[in-house]
Amino acid sequence: MRGDVVIVDLQNINPALKVRPALVIQSDEYNQLLNSTIIAQITGNTSRSFERTQLLIDEKHPDWEQSGLERASVVNAASLFTIQQVRIINTIGSFSLQTMEEVDECLKAALDL
């Protein structure tokens, strides 16, 4: 579902990538219709967290506990992937509607919308 924080295996897309957290950004409607979904990469590299395309999720963020993340991370709206839903290993958490609105602003910046 949109807003789920999931663990995905991206090694088939790029061997340099690994099993990692990601955020489902595709609509629930299309998640039900399609076998694929669109995700935004989540990374523990927070050095670019000040950029408009990055959303910092840390212990100060209201969704920290429900995110399921183990360390401070950023949702990187400039690093999007379309993956087969079977590549989702499990769901570890989710973001609130308010946080997804913040993610939407990052996506707008990344995609120049």
Protein backbone atom coordinates (compact mmCIF):
# COMPACT_ATOMS: atom_id res chain seq x y z
CA MET A 1 0.00 0.00 0.00
CA ARG A 2 1.08 3.54 -0.61
CA GLY A 3 3.03 4.79 2.39
CA ASP A 4 4.34 1.35 3.39
CA VAL A 5 7.99 1.11 4.36
CA VAL A 6 9.16 -2.15 2.84
CA ILE A 7 12.30 -4.21 2.51
CA VAL A 8 13.10 -4.89 -1.14
CA ASP A 9 15.71 -6.82 -3.07
CA LEU A 10 17.15 -4.50 -5.73
CA GLN A 11 20.14 -6.64 -6.70
CA ASN A 12 18.47 -7.79 -9.92
CA ILE A 13 18.15 -4.15 -10.99
CA ASN A 14 21.73 -3.27 -10.13
CA PRO A 15 24.21 -5.65 -8.47
CA ALA A 16 25.68 -2.71 -6.54
CA LEU A 17 22.33 -2.25 -4.83
CA LYS A 18 21.30 -4.53 -2.03
CA VAL A 19 18.40 -5.60 0.07
CA ARG A 20 17.25 -2.31 1.55
CA PRO A 21 14.29 -0.30 2.82
CA ALA A 22 12.11 1.60 0.38
CA LEU A 23 8.86 3.53 0.41
CA VAL A 24 5.91 2.51 -1.76
CA ILE A 25 4.77 5.68 -3.56
CA GLN A 26 2.46 4.21 -6.20
CA SER A 27 -1.28 4.64 -5.62
CA ASP A 28 -3.22 1.87 -3.91
CA GLU A 29 -5.42 1.63 -7.00
CA TYR A 30 -2.49 0.77 -9.24
CA ASN A 31 -0.87 -1.44 -6.60
CA GLN A 32 -4.00 -3.60 -6.85
CA LEU A 33 -4.23 -3.50 -10.65
CA LEU A 34 -0.58 -4.13 -11.50
CA ASN A 35 2.07 -6.67 -10.57
CA SER A 36 4.61 -3.86 -10.29
CA THR A 37 4.90 -0.89 -7.97
CA ILE A 38 6.90 2.33 -7.79
CA ILE A 39 9.20 2.83 -4.81
CA ALA A 40 11.51 5.53 -3.52
CA GLN A 41 14.83 4.41 -2.13
CA ILE A 42 15.46 4.88 1.58
CA THR A 43 19.09 5.29 2.57
CA GLY A 44 21.03 5.71 5.77
CA ASN A 45 23.25 8.27 4.04
CA THR A 46 21.73 11.47 5.44
CA SER A 47 24.41 13.84 4.11
CA ARG A 48 21.96 15.25 1.50
CA SER A 49 18.97 15.49 3.87
CA PHE A 50 18.85 19.28 3.39
CA GLU A 51 17.94 18.91 -0.30
CA ARG A 52 14.33 19.37 -1.44
CA THR A 53 14.26 15.84 -2.85
CA GLN A 54 15.15 14.23 0.48
CA LEU A 55 12.97 13.67 3.55
CA LEU A 56 14.80 12.98 6.80
CA ILE A 57 13.22 10.38 9.05
CA ASP A 58 14.95 10.30 12.42
CA GLU A 59 14.03 10.00 16.09
CA LYS A 60 12.67 13.59 16.02
CA HIS A 61 10.24 12.85 13.17
CA PRO A 62 6.63 12.11 14.25
CA ASP A 63 6.57 8.88 12.20
CA TRP A 64 9.91 7.56 13.47
CA GLU A 65 8.50 4.73 15.57
CA GLN A 66 5.91 3.56 13.06
CA SER A 67 8.44 3.72 10.19
CA GLY A 68 10.20 0.56 11.34
CA LEU A 69 13.55 2.07 10.40
CA GLU A 70 16.46 1.20 12.67
CA ARG A 71 18.53 4.33 12.12
CA ALA A 72 18.16 7.86 10.82
CA SER A 73 17.47 7.69 7.09
CA VAL A 74 16.22 9.73 4.17
CA VAL A 75 13.53 8.99 1.65
CA ASN A 76 15.28 9.84 -1.61
CA ALA A 77 12.63 11.07 -4.06
CA ALA A 78 15.33 11.44 -6.71
CA SER A 79 15.97 7.68 -6.66
CA LEU A 80 12.82 5.92 -7.86
CA PHE A 81 12.41 2.36 -9.10
CA THR A 82 9.63 0.34 -10.65
CA ILE A 83 9.84 -3.18 -9.28
CA GLN A 84 7.77 -6.34 -9.40
CA GLN A 85 5.74 -6.59 -6.21
CA VAL A 86 7.25 -10.04 -5.57
CA ARG A 87 10.57 -8.21 -4.90
CA ILE A 88 9.04 -6.86 -1.68
CA ILE A 89 10.39 -9.11 1.06
CA ASN A 90 8.27 -7.67 3.88
CA THR A 91 6.65 -4.54 5.26
CA ILE A 92 8.38 -3.06 8.30
CA GLY A 93 6.33 0.09 8.86
CA SER A 94 4.34 2.89 7.32
CA PHE A 95 4.07 6.65 7.08
CA SER A 96 1.11 8.83 8.00
CA LEU A 97 -0.85 10.86 5.49
CA GLN A 98 0.96 13.98 6.72
CA THR A 99 4.38 12.43 6.07
CA MET A 100 3.24 11.22 2.65
CA GLU A 101 2.31 14.83 1.85
CA GLU A 102 5.91 15.75 2.71
CA VAL A 103 7.10 12.95 0.43
CA ASP A 104 4.83 14.31 -2.32
CA GLU A 105 6.59 17.68 -2.04
CA CYS A 106 9.95 15.93 -2.42
CA LEU A 107 8.62 14.07 -5.47
CA LYS A 108 7.41 17.35 -6.99
CA ALA A 109 10.90 18.80 -6.56
CA ALA A 110 12.56 15.72 -8.04
CA LEU A 111 10.22 15.51 -11.02
CA ASP A 112 9.81 19.27 -11.56
CA LEU A 113 6.02 19.07 -11.19
